[in-house]
Amino acid sequence: MRVRLIGTAAAVALLASSTLTLAQTSAPKKPLGKLTCEEFLAYEDTFKPKVVYWAVAYGKGGKAETAVLDVEGTDKVIPVIIEKCKAAPKASFLKTVKSESGKK
């Protein structure tokens, strides 16, 4: 129950804005729907899970698709998403995440 609450709070906090913003990295600032795998891989390793959480909950128009985020399940697919992005850097990051997160 506690993991779900933390996951929900994290999803809400991450979805508060429709553009990723990072002060401490030189990674591109772009709407999530237009982010490529190559751009995702440019983020710091500590930030990548947060971007994946956001993408899993991301819906049309940047609104949350789900109120509850399965943090444990999502954590399991993060390494797979990173490998898929390395294999196809020009691919859509959001499509990659949606494809892999649907397999959990």
PDB file of N, CA and C in Angstrom:
ATOM      1  N   MET A   1       0.827  -1.188   0.000  1.00  0.00           N
ATOM      2  CA  MET A   1       0.000   0.000   0.000  1.00  0.00           C
ATOM      3  C   MET A   1       0.870   1.251   0.000  1.00  0.00           C
ATOM      4  N   ARG A   2       1.938   1.234   0.810  1.00  0.00           N
ATOM      5  CA  ARG A   2       2.814   2.396   0.903  1.00  0.00           C
ATOM      6  C   ARG A   2       3.512   2.670  -0.431  1.00  0.00           C
ATOM      7  N   VAL A   3       3.922   1.601  -1.132  1.00  0.00           N
ATOM      8  CA  VAL A   3       4.577   1.753  -2.435  1.00  0.00           C
ATOM      9  C   VAL A   3       3.624   2.391  -3.431  1.00  0.00           C
ATOM     10  N   ARG A   4       2.358   1.991  -3.396  1.00  0.00           N
ATOM     11  CA  ARG A   4       1.372   2.568  -4.310  1.00  0.00           C
ATOM     12  C   ARG A   4       1.169   4.057  -4.037  1.00  0.00           C
ATOM     13  N   LEU A   5       1.111   4.437  -2.756  1.00  0.00           N
ATOM     14  CA  LEU A   5       0.951   5.852  -2.416  1.00  0.00           C
ATOM     15  C   LEU A   5       2.153   6.656  -2.874  1.00  0.00           C
ATOM     16  N   ILE A   6       3.332   6.115  -2.651  1.00  0.00           N
ATOM     17  CA  ILE A   6       4.551   6.806  -3.091  1.00  0.00           C
ATOM     18  C   ILE A   6       4.560   6.900  -4.599  1.00  0.00           C
ATOM     19  N   GLY A   7       4.188   5.829  -5.260  1.00  0.00           N
ATOM     20  CA  GLY A   7       4.127   5.824  -6.720  1.00  0.00           C
ATOM     21  C   GLY A   7       3.134   6.824  -7.253  1.00  0.00           C
ATOM     22  N   THR A   8       1.975   6.896  -6.638  1.00  0.00           N
ATOM     23  CA  THR A   8       0.953   7.845  -7.052  1.00  0.00           C
ATOM     24  C   THR A   8       1.442   9.274  -6.843  1.00  0.00           C
ATOM     25  N   ALA A   9       2.047   9.527  -5.703  1.00  0.00           N
ATOM     26  CA  ALA A   9       2.570  10.870  -5.430  1.00  0.00           C
ATOM     27  C   ALA A   9       3.654  11.226  -6.434  1.00  0.00           C
ATOM     28  N   ALA A  10       4.504  10.273  -6.765  1.00  0.00           N
ATOM     29  CA  ALA A  10       5.575  10.525  -7.738  1.00  0.00           C
ATOM     30  C   ALA A  10       4.991  10.813  -9.112  1.00  0.00           C
ATOM     31  N   ALA A  11       3.988  10.055  -9.505  1.00  0.00           N
ATOM     32  CA  ALA A  11       3.361  10.263 -10.810  1.00  0.00           C
ATOM     33  C   ALA A  11       2.703  11.629 -10.893  1.00  0.00           C
ATOM     34  N   VAL A  12       1.999  12.013  -9.844  1.00  0.00           N
ATOM     35  CA  VAL A  12       1.335  13.318  -9.829  1.00  0.00           C
ATOM     36  C   VAL A  12       2.369  14.437  -9.899  1.00  0.00           C
ATOM     37  N   ALA A  13       3.440  14.307  -9.142  1.00  0.00           N
ATOM     38  CA  ALA A  13       4.478  15.338  -9.152  1.00  0.00           C
ATOM     39  C   ALA A  13       5.140  15.436 -10.521  1.00  0.00           C
ATOM     40  N   LEU A  14       5.382  14.303 -11.141  1.00  0.00           N
ATOM     41  CA  LEU A  14       6.036  14.308 -12.446  1.00  0.00           C
ATOM     42  C   LEU A  14       5.117  14.796 -13.553  1.00  0.00           C
ATOM     43  N   LEU A  15       3.827  14.584 -13.412  1.00  0.00           N
ATOM     44  CA  LEU A  15       2.892  14.996 -14.447  1.00  0.00           C
ATOM     45  C   LEU A  15       2.429  16.444 -14.302  1.00  0.00           C
ATOM     46  N   ALA A  16       2.912  17.130 -13.300  1.00  0.00           N
ATOM     47  CA  ALA A  16       2.501  18.510 -13.063  1.00  0.00           C
ATOM     48  C   ALA A  16       2.888  19.426 -14.225  1.00  0.00           C
ATOM     49  N   SER A  17       3.901  19.061 -14.958  1.00  0.00           N
ATOM     50  CA  SER A  17       4.367  19.861 -16.082  1.00  0.00           C
ATOM     51  C   SER A  17       4.366  19.003 -17.335  1.00  0.00           C
ATOM     52  N   SER A  18       4.168  19.600 -18.494  1.00  0.00           N
ATOM     53  CA  SER A  18       4.151  18.807 -19.722  1.00  0.00           C
ATOM     54  C   SER A  18       5.517  18.763 -20.389  1.00  0.00           C
ATOM     55  N   THR A  19       6.511  19.415 -19.816  1.00  0.00           N
ATOM     56  CA  THR A  19       7.853  19.410 -20.373  1.00  0.00           C
ATOM     57  C   THR A  19       8.838  19.004 -19.301  1.00  0.00           C
ATOM     58  N   LEU A  20       9.775  18.123 -19.668  1.00  0.00           N
ATOM     59  CA  LEU A  20      10.817  17.730 -18.723  1.00  0.00           C
ATOM     60  C   LEU A  20      11.767  18.904 -18.526  1.00  0.00           C
ATOM     61  N   THR A  21      12.084  19.191 -17.288  1.00  0.00           N
ATOM     62  CA  THR A  21      13.043  20.246 -17.016  1.00  0.00           C
ATOM     63  C   THR A  21      14.077  19.735 -16.044  1.00  0.00           C
ATOM     64  N   LEU A  22      15.310  19.944 -16.395  1.00  0.00           N
ATOM     65  CA  LEU A  22      16.417  19.511 -15.553  1.00  0.00           C
ATOM     66  C   LEU A  22      17.415  20.645 -15.433  1.00  0.00           C
ATOM     67  N   ALA A  23      17.682  21.071 -14.243  1.00  0.00           N
ATOM     68  CA  ALA A  23      18.646  22.140 -14.028  1.00  0.00           C
ATOM     69  C   ALA A  23      20.068  21.609 -14.061  1.00  0.00           C
ATOM     70  N   GLN A  24      20.278  20.371 -13.597  1.00  0.00           N
ATOM     71  CA  GLN A  24      21.631  19.874 -13.443  1.00  0.00           C
ATOM     72  C   GLN A  24      22.155  19.075 -14.626  1.00  0.00           C
ATOM     73  N   THR A  25      21.448  18.995 -15.729  1.00  0.00           N
ATOM     74  CA  THR A  25      21.938  18.240 -16.874  1.00  0.00           C
ATOM     75  C   THR A  25      21.749  19.033 -18.152  1.00  0.00           C
ATOM     76  N   SER A  26      22.524  18.688 -19.146  1.00  0.00           N
ATOM     77  CA  SER A  26      22.421  19.380 -20.416  1.00  0.00           C
ATOM     78  C   SER A  26      21.522  18.619 -21.382  1.00  0.00           C
ATOM     79  N   ALA A  27      20.769  17.656 -20.886  1.00  0.00           N
ATOM     80  CA  ALA A  27      19.853  16.892 -21.722  1.00  0.00           C
ATOM     81  C   ALA A  27      18.794  17.821 -22.299  1.00  0.00           C
ATOM     82  N   PRO A  28      18.244  17.447 -23.443  1.00  0.00           N
ATOM     83  CA  PRO A  28      17.268  18.321 -24.091  1.00  0.00           C
ATOM     84  C   PRO A  28      15.995  18.492 -23.271  1.00  0.00           C
ATOM     85  N   LYS A  29      15.395  19.664 -23.410  1.00  0.00           N
ATOM     86  CA  LYS A  29      14.123  19.944 -22.747  1.00  0.00           C
ATOM     87  C   LYS A  29      13.070  19.879 -23.845  1.00  0.00           C
ATOM     88  N   LYS A  30      12.252  18.864 -23.785  1.00  0.00           N
ATOM     89  CA  LYS A  30      11.328  18.582 -24.862  1.00  0.00           C
ATOM     90  C   LYS A  30      10.058  17.958 -24.297  1.00  0.00           C
ATOM     91  N   PRO A  31       8.925  18.173 -24.956  1.00  0.00           N
ATOM     92  CA  PRO A  31       7.715  17.475 -24.509  1.00  0.00           C
ATOM     93  C   PRO A  31       7.944  15.968 -24.560  1.00  0.00           C
ATOM     94  N   LEU A  32       7.411  15.263 -23.619  1.00  0.00           N
ATOM     95  CA  LEU A  32       7.614  13.821 -23.515  1.00  0.00           C
ATOM     96  C   LEU A  32       7.201  13.085 -24.782  1.00  0.00           C
ATOM     97  N   GLY A  33       6.142  13.505 -25.405  1.00  0.00           N
ATOM     98  CA  GLY A  33       5.657  12.852 -26.614  1.00  0.00           C
ATOM     99  C   GLY A  33       6.607  12.945 -27.787  1.00  0.00           C
ATOM    100  N   LYS A  34       7.534  13.883 -27.764  1.00  0.00           N
ATOM    101  CA  LYS A  34       8.485  14.068 -28.867  1.00  0.00           C
ATOM    102  C   LYS A  34       9.899  13.613 -28.513  1.00  0.00           C
ATOM    103  N   LEU A  35      10.086  13.096 -27.325  1.00  0.00           N
ATOM    104  CA  LEU A  35      11.402  12.663 -26.864  1.00  0.00           C
ATOM    105  C   LEU A  35      11.823  11.395 -27.597  1.00  0.00           C
ATOM    106  N   THR A  36      13.064  11.363 -28.074  1.00  0.00           N
ATOM    107  CA  THR A  36      13.592  10.154 -28.702  1.00  0.00           C
ATOM    108  C   THR A  36      14.331   9.326 -27.663  1.00  0.00           C
ATOM    109  N   CYS A  37      14.585   8.091 -27.999  1.00  0.00           N
ATOM    110  CA  CYS A  37      15.349   7.230 -27.101  1.00  0.00           C
ATOM    111  C   CYS A  37      16.744   7.810 -26.871  1.00  0.00           C
ATOM    112  N   GLU A  38      17.329   8.354 -27.894  1.00  0.00           N
ATOM    113  CA  GLU A  38      18.663   8.953 -27.783  1.00  0.00           C
ATOM    114  C   GLU A  38      18.670  10.091 -26.758  1.00  0.00           C
ATOM    115  N   GLU A  39      17.640  10.908 -26.779  1.00  0.00           N
ATOM    116  CA  GLU A  39      17.534  12.018 -25.830  1.00  0.00           C
ATOM    117  C   GLU A  39      17.298  11.497 -24.417  1.00  0.00           C
ATOM    118  N   PHE A  40      16.485  10.450 -24.292  1.00  0.00           N
ATOM    119  CA  PHE A  40      16.275   9.829 -22.984  1.00  0.00           C
ATOM    120  C   PHE A  40      17.592   9.315 -22.421  1.00  0.00           C
ATOM    121  N   LEU A  41      18.395   8.664 -23.249  1.00  0.00           N
ATOM    122  CA  LEU A  41      19.669   8.108 -22.794  1.00  0.00           C
ATOM    123  C   LEU A  41      20.649   9.192 -22.352  1.00  0.00           C
ATOM    124  N   ALA A  42      20.428  10.440 -22.787  1.00  0.00           N
ATOM    125  CA  ALA A  42      21.302  11.550 -22.396  1.00  0.00           C
ATOM    126  C   ALA A  42      21.048  12.007 -20.954  1.00  0.00           C
ATOM    127  N   TYR A  43      19.898  11.631 -20.396  1.00  0.00           N
ATOM    128  CA  TYR A  43      19.609  12.007 -19.011  1.00  0.00           C
ATOM    129  C   TYR A  43      20.530  11.256 -18.054  1.00  0.00           C
ATOM    130  N   GLU A  44      20.746  11.853 -16.903  1.00  0.00           N
ATOM    131  CA  GLU A  44      21.553  11.206 -15.866  1.00  0.00           C
ATOM    132  C   GLU A  44      20.861   9.917 -15.433  1.00  0.00           C
ATOM    133  N   ASP A  45      21.639   8.916 -15.099  1.00  0.00           N
ATOM    134  CA  ASP A  45      21.096   7.614 -14.709  1.00  0.00           C
ATOM    135  C   ASP A  45      20.135   7.711 -13.530  1.00  0.00           C
ATOM    136  N   THR A  46      20.401   8.624 -12.611  1.00  0.00           N
ATOM    137  CA  THR A  46      19.535   8.760 -11.442  1.00  0.00           C
ATOM    138  C   THR A  46      18.173   9.347 -11.801  1.00  0.00           C
ATOM    139  N   PHE A  47      18.088  10.030 -12.941  1.00  0.00           N
ATOM    140  CA  PHE A  47      16.834  10.663 -13.351  1.00  0.00           C
ATOM    141  C   PHE A  47      16.011   9.782 -14.282  1.00  0.00           C
ATOM    142  N   LYS A  48      16.648   8.832 -14.958  1.00  0.00           N
ATOM    143  CA  LYS A  48      15.953   7.997 -15.940  1.00  0.00           C
ATOM    144  C   LYS A  48      14.726   7.288 -15.369  1.00  0.00           C
ATOM    145  N   PRO A  49      14.782   6.692 -14.168  1.00  0.00           N
ATOM    146  CA  PRO A  49      13.569   6.051 -13.639  1.00  0.00           C
ATOM    147  C   PRO A  49      12.391   7.018 -13.506  1.00  0.00           C
ATOM    148  N   LYS A  50      12.658   8.250 -13.125  1.00  0.00           N
ATOM    149  CA  LYS A  50      11.587   9.242 -12.979  1.00  0.00           C
ATOM    150  C   LYS A  50      10.941   9.537 -14.322  1.00  0.00           C
ATOM    151  N   VAL A  51      11.765   9.605 -15.365  1.00  0.00           N
ATOM    152  CA  VAL A  51      11.237   9.866 -16.701  1.00  0.00           C
ATOM    153  C   VAL A  51      10.372   8.680 -17.148  1.00  0.00           C
ATOM    154  N   VAL A  52      10.824   7.465 -16.846  1.00  0.00           N
ATOM    155  CA  VAL A  52      10.045   6.278 -17.202  1.00  0.00           C
ATOM    156  C   VAL A  52       8.728   6.253 -16.427  1.00  0.00           C
ATOM    157  N   TYR A  53       8.741   6.576 -15.127  1.00  0.00           N
ATOM    158  CA  TYR A  53       7.489   6.626 -14.352  1.00  0.00           C
ATOM    159  C   TYR A  53       6.507   7.590 -15.007  1.00  0.00           C
ATOM    160  N   TRP A  54       7.027   8.733 -15.390  1.00  0.00           N
ATOM    161  CA  TRP A  54       6.190   9.751 -16.011  1.00  0.00           C
ATOM    162  C   TRP A  54       5.611   9.219 -17.317  1.00  0.00           C
ATOM    163  N   ALA A  55       6.449   8.581 -18.126  1.00  0.00           N
ATOM    164  CA  ALA A  55       5.995   8.068 -19.414  1.00  0.00           C
ATOM    165  C   ALA A  55       4.952   6.964 -19.259  1.00  0.00           C
ATOM    166  N   VAL A  56       5.107   6.119 -18.253  1.00  0.00           N
ATOM    167  CA  VAL A  56       4.141   5.046 -18.020  1.00  0.00           C
ATOM    168  C   VAL A  56       2.771   5.628 -17.708  1.00  0.00           C
ATOM    169  N   ALA A  57       2.718   6.697 -16.959  1.00  0.00           N
ATOM    170  CA  ALA A  57       1.448   7.311 -16.564  1.00  0.00           C
ATOM    171  C   ALA A  57       0.935   8.316 -17.596  1.00  0.00           C
ATOM    172  N   TYR A  58       1.768   8.688 -18.566  1.00  0.00           N
ATOM    173  CA  TYR A  58       1.447   9.721 -19.552  1.00  0.00           C
ATOM    174  C   TYR A  58       0.307   9.290 -20.464  1.00  0.00           C
ATOM    175  N   GLY A  59      -0.649  10.178 -20.640  1.00  0.00           N
ATOM    176  CA  GLY A  59      -1.762   9.927 -21.541  1.00  0.00           C
ATOM    177  C   GLY A  59      -1.836  11.012 -22.599  1.00  0.00           C
ATOM    178  N   LYS A  60      -2.866  10.961 -23.404  1.00  0.00           N
ATOM    179  CA  LYS A  60      -3.044  11.961 -24.461  1.00  0.00           C
ATOM    180  C   LYS A  60      -3.171  13.354 -23.852  1.00  0.00           C
ATOM    181  N   GLY A  61      -2.543  14.305 -24.486  1.00  0.00           N
ATOM    182  CA  GLY A  61      -2.608  15.677 -24.013  1.00  0.00           C
ATOM    183  C   GLY A  61      -1.790  15.929 -22.755  1.00  0.00           C
ATOM    184  N   GLY A  62      -0.962  14.957 -22.370  1.00  0.00           N
ATOM    185  CA  GLY A  62      -0.116  15.133 -21.195  1.00  0.00           C
ATOM    186  C   GLY A  62      -0.829  14.903 -19.879  1.00  0.00           C
ATOM    187  N   LYS A  63      -2.061  14.432 -19.931  1.00  0.00           N
ATOM    188  CA  LYS A  63      -2.806  14.157 -18.701  1.00  0.00           C
ATOM    189  C   LYS A  63      -2.553  12.721 -18.265  1.00  0.00           C
ATOM    190  N   ALA A  64      -2.581  12.516 -16.965  1.00  0.00           N
ATOM    191  CA  ALA A  64      -2.324  11.186 -16.413  1.00  0.00           C
ATOM    192  C   ALA A  64      -3.347  10.182 -16.928  1.00  0.00           C
ATOM    193  N   GLU A  65      -2.844   9.046 -17.377  1.00  0.00           N
ATOM    194  CA  GLU A  65      -3.693   7.974 -17.858  1.00  0.00           C
ATOM    195  C   GLU A  65      -4.167   7.111 -16.697  1.00  0.00           C
ATOM    196  N   THR A  66      -3.395   7.092 -15.638  1.00  0.00           N
ATOM    197  CA  THR A  66      -3.701   6.255 -14.488  1.00  0.00           C
ATOM    198  C   THR A  66      -3.410   7.010 -13.199  1.00  0.00           C
ATOM    199  N   ALA A  67      -4.179   6.746 -12.178  1.00  0.00           N
ATOM    200  CA  ALA A  67      -3.966   7.398 -10.887  1.00  0.00           C
ATOM    201  C   ALA A  67      -3.009   6.601 -10.010  1.00  0.00           C
ATOM    202  N   VAL A  68      -2.798   5.327 -10.367  1.00  0.00           N
ATOM    203  CA  VAL A  68      -1.921   4.469  -9.577  1.00  0.00           C
ATOM    204  C   VAL A  68      -0.802   3.961 -10.475  1.00  0.00           C
ATOM    205  N   LEU A  69       0.406   4.081  -9.994  1.00  0.00           N
ATOM    206  CA  LEU A  69       1.577   3.648 -10.741  1.00  0.00           C
ATOM    207  C   LEU A  69       2.176   2.434 -10.053  1.00  0.00           C
ATOM    208  N   ASP A  70       2.376   1.365 -10.793  1.00  0.00           N
ATOM    209  CA  ASP A  70       2.998   0.153 -10.269  1.00  0.00           C
ATOM    210  C   ASP A  70       4.517   0.356 -10.287  1.00  0.00           C
ATOM    211  N   VAL A  71       5.056   0.894  -9.215  1.00  0.00           N
ATOM    212  CA  VAL A  71       6.475   1.235  -9.148  1.00  0.00           C
ATOM    213  C   VAL A  71       7.345  -0.010  -9.290  1.00  0.00           C
ATOM    214  N   GLU A  72       7.008  -1.064  -8.580  1.00  0.00           N
ATOM    215  CA  GLU A  72       7.818  -2.287  -8.638  1.00  0.00           C
ATOM    216  C   GLU A  72       7.824  -2.876 -10.047  1.00  0.00           C
ATOM    217  N   GLY A  73       6.670  -2.931 -10.689  1.00  0.00           N
ATOM    218  CA  GLY A  73       6.587  -3.452 -12.052  1.00  0.00           C
ATOM    219  C   GLY A  73       7.329  -2.574 -13.033  1.00  0.00           C
ATOM    220  N   THR A  74       7.202  -1.269 -12.852  1.00  0.00           N
ATOM    221  CA  THR A  74       7.885  -0.332 -13.735  1.00  0.00           C
ATOM    222  C   THR A  74       9.396  -0.418 -13.549  1.00  0.00           C
ATOM    223  N   ASP A  75       9.845  -0.571 -12.314  1.00  0.00           N
ATOM    224  CA  ASP A  75      11.281  -0.706 -12.058  1.00  0.00           C
ATOM    225  C   ASP A  75      11.874  -1.898 -12.797  1.00  0.00           C
ATOM    226  N   LYS A  76      11.090  -2.945 -12.960  1.00  0.00           N
ATOM    227  CA  LYS A  76      11.576  -4.148 -13.652  1.00  0.00           C
ATOM    228  C   LYS A  76      11.792  -3.916 -15.145  1.00  0.00           C
ATOM    229  N   VAL A  77      11.009  -3.019 -15.762  1.00  0.00           N
ATOM    230  CA  VAL A  77      11.151  -2.796 -17.203  1.00  0.00           C
ATOM    231  C   VAL A  77      12.133  -1.678 -17.554  1.00  0.00           C
ATOM    232  N   ILE A  78      12.579  -0.915 -16.581  1.00  0.00           N
ATOM    233  CA  ILE A  78      13.504   0.185 -16.870  1.00  0.00           C
ATOM    234  C   ILE A  78      14.772  -0.304 -17.578  1.00  0.00           C
ATOM    235  N   PRO A  79      15.441  -1.367 -17.109  1.00  0.00           N
ATOM    236  CA  PRO A  79      16.635  -1.840 -17.834  1.00  0.00           C
ATOM    237  C   PRO A  79      16.310  -2.299 -19.261  1.00  0.00           C
ATOM    238  N   VAL A  80      15.141  -2.869 -19.456  1.00  0.00           N
ATOM    239  CA  VAL A  80      14.726  -3.310 -20.793  1.00  0.00           C
ATOM    240  C   VAL A  80      14.531  -2.100 -21.701  1.00  0.00           C
ATOM    241  N   ILE A  81      13.896  -1.064 -21.180  1.00  0.00           N
ATOM    242  CA  ILE A  81      13.679   0.163 -21.956  1.00  0.00           C
ATOM    243  C   ILE A  81      15.015   0.786 -22.334  1.00  0.00           C
ATOM    244  N   ILE A  82      15.943   0.819 -21.406  1.00  0.00           N
ATOM    245  CA  ILE A  82      17.264   1.386 -21.688  1.00  0.00           C
ATOM    246  C   ILE A  82      17.944   0.595 -22.805  1.00  0.00           C
ATOM    247  N   GLU A  83      17.883  -0.733 -22.756  1.00  0.00           N
ATOM    248  CA  GLU A  83      18.499  -1.567 -23.796  1.00  0.00           C
ATOM    249  C   GLU A  83      17.816  -1.356 -25.147  1.00  0.00           C
ATOM    250  N   LYS A  84      16.480  -1.286 -25.156  1.00  0.00           N
ATOM    251  CA  LYS A  84      15.745  -1.046 -26.403  1.00  0.00           C
ATOM    252  C   LYS A  84      16.123   0.317 -26.986  1.00  0.00           C
ATOM    253  N   CYS A  85      16.286   1.308 -26.127  1.00  0.00           N
ATOM    254  CA  CYS A  85      16.657   2.647 -26.586  1.00  0.00           C
ATOM    255  C   CYS A  85      18.087   2.670 -27.137  1.00  0.00           C
ATOM    256  N   LYS A  86      18.967   1.904 -26.534  1.00  0.00           N
ATOM    257  CA  LYS A  86      20.338   1.812 -27.052  1.00  0.00           C
ATOM    258  C   LYS A  86      20.346   1.156 -28.436  1.00  0.00           C
ATOM    259  N   ALA A  87      19.472   0.180 -28.623  1.00  0.00           N
ATOM    260  CA  ALA A  87      19.398  -0.529 -29.904  1.00  0.00           C
ATOM    261  C   ALA A  87      18.743   0.314 -31.000  1.00  0.00           C
ATOM    262  N   ALA A  88      17.844   1.209 -30.620  1.00  0.00           N
ATOM    263  CA  ALA A  88      17.126   2.046 -31.596  1.00  0.00           C
ATOM    264  C   ALA A  88      17.055   3.476 -31.081  1.00  0.00           C
ATOM    265  N   PRO A  89      18.182   4.212 -31.115  1.00  0.00           N
ATOM    266  CA  PRO A  89      18.225   5.555 -30.515  1.00  0.00           C
ATOM    267  C   PRO A  89      17.291   6.582 -31.154  1.00  0.00           C
ATOM    268  N   LYS A  90      16.917   6.398 -32.399  1.00  0.00           N
ATOM    269  CA  LYS A  90      16.038   7.373 -33.068  1.00  0.00           C
ATOM    270  C   LYS A  90      14.553   7.075 -32.842  1.00  0.00           C
ATOM    271  N   ALA A  91      14.255   5.970 -32.165  1.00  0.00           N
ATOM    272  CA  ALA A  91      12.865   5.580 -31.906  1.00  0.00           C
ATOM    273  C   ALA A  91      12.214   6.527 -30.907  1.00  0.00           C
ATOM    274  N   SER A  92      10.905   6.552 -30.928  1.00  0.00           N
ATOM    275  CA  SER A  92      10.136   7.349 -29.971  1.00  0.00           C
ATOM    276  C   SER A  92      10.282   6.732 -28.581  1.00  0.00           C
ATOM    277  N   PHE A  93      10.712   7.526 -27.628  1.00  0.00           N
ATOM    278  CA  PHE A  93      10.858   7.050 -26.256  1.00  0.00           C
ATOM    279  C   PHE A  93       9.498   6.645 -25.692  1.00  0.00           C
ATOM    280  N   LEU A  94       8.498   7.456 -25.904  1.00  0.00           N
ATOM    281  CA  LEU A  94       7.168   7.181 -25.354  1.00  0.00           C
ATOM    282  C   LEU A  94       6.600   5.878 -25.917  1.00  0.00           C
ATOM    283  N   LYS A  95       6.747   5.651 -27.204  1.00  0.00           N
ATOM    284  CA  LYS A  95       6.261   4.406 -27.807  1.00  0.00           C
ATOM    285  C   LYS A  95       7.018   3.206 -27.255  1.00  0.00           C
ATOM    286  N   THR A  96       8.302   3.368 -27.045  1.00  0.00           N
ATOM    287  CA  THR A  96       9.115   2.287 -26.475  1.00  0.00           C
ATOM    288  C   THR A  96       8.628   1.954 -25.077  1.00  0.00           C
ATOM    289  N   VAL A  97       8.389   2.965 -24.262  1.00  0.00           N
ATOM    290  CA  VAL A  97       7.915   2.750 -22.899  1.00  0.00           C
ATOM    291  C   VAL A  97       6.538   2.095 -22.894  1.00  0.00           C
ATOM    292  N   LYS A  98       5.631   2.600 -23.709  1.00  0.00           N
ATOM    293  CA  LYS A  98       4.273   2.041 -23.747  1.00  0.00           C
ATOM    294  C   LYS A  98       4.305   0.581 -24.203  1.00  0.00           C
ATOM    295  N   SER A  99       5.174   0.284 -25.151  1.00  0.00           N
ATOM    296  CA  SER A  99       5.297  -1.085 -25.644  1.00  0.00           C
ATOM    297  C   SER A  99       5.807  -2.025 -24.553  1.00  0.00           C
ATOM    298  N   GLU A 100       6.854  -1.611 -23.862  1.00  0.00           N
ATOM    299  CA  GLU A 100       7.463  -2.456 -22.849  1.00  0.00           C
ATOM    300  C   GLU A 100       6.654  -2.514 -21.553  1.00  0.00           C
ATOM    301  N   SER A 101       6.045  -1.413 -21.162  1.00  0.00           N
ATOM    302  CA  SER A 101       5.286  -1.410 -19.917  1.00  0.00           C
ATOM    303  C   SER A 101       4.000  -2.207 -20.041  1.00  0.00           C
ATOM    304  N   GLY A 102       3.525  -2.386 -21.245  1.00  0.00           N
ATOM    305  CA  GLY A 102       2.335  -3.205 -21.472  1.00  0.00           C
ATOM    306  C   GLY A 102       2.613  -4.692 -21.325  1.00  0.00           C
ATOM    307  N   LYS A 103       3.883  -5.069 -21.315  1.00  0.00           N
ATOM    308  CA  LYS A 103       4.284  -6.473 -21.208  1.00  0.00           C
ATOM    309  C   LYS A 103       4.463  -6.939 -19.774  1.00  0.00           C
ATOM    310  N   LYS A 104       4.405  -6.021 -18.783  1.00  0.00           N
ATOM    311  CA  LYS A 104       4.686  -6.363 -17.387  1.00  0.00           C
ATOM    312  C   LYS A 104       3.887  -7.519 -16.899  1.00  0.00           C
TER     313      LYS A 104
END
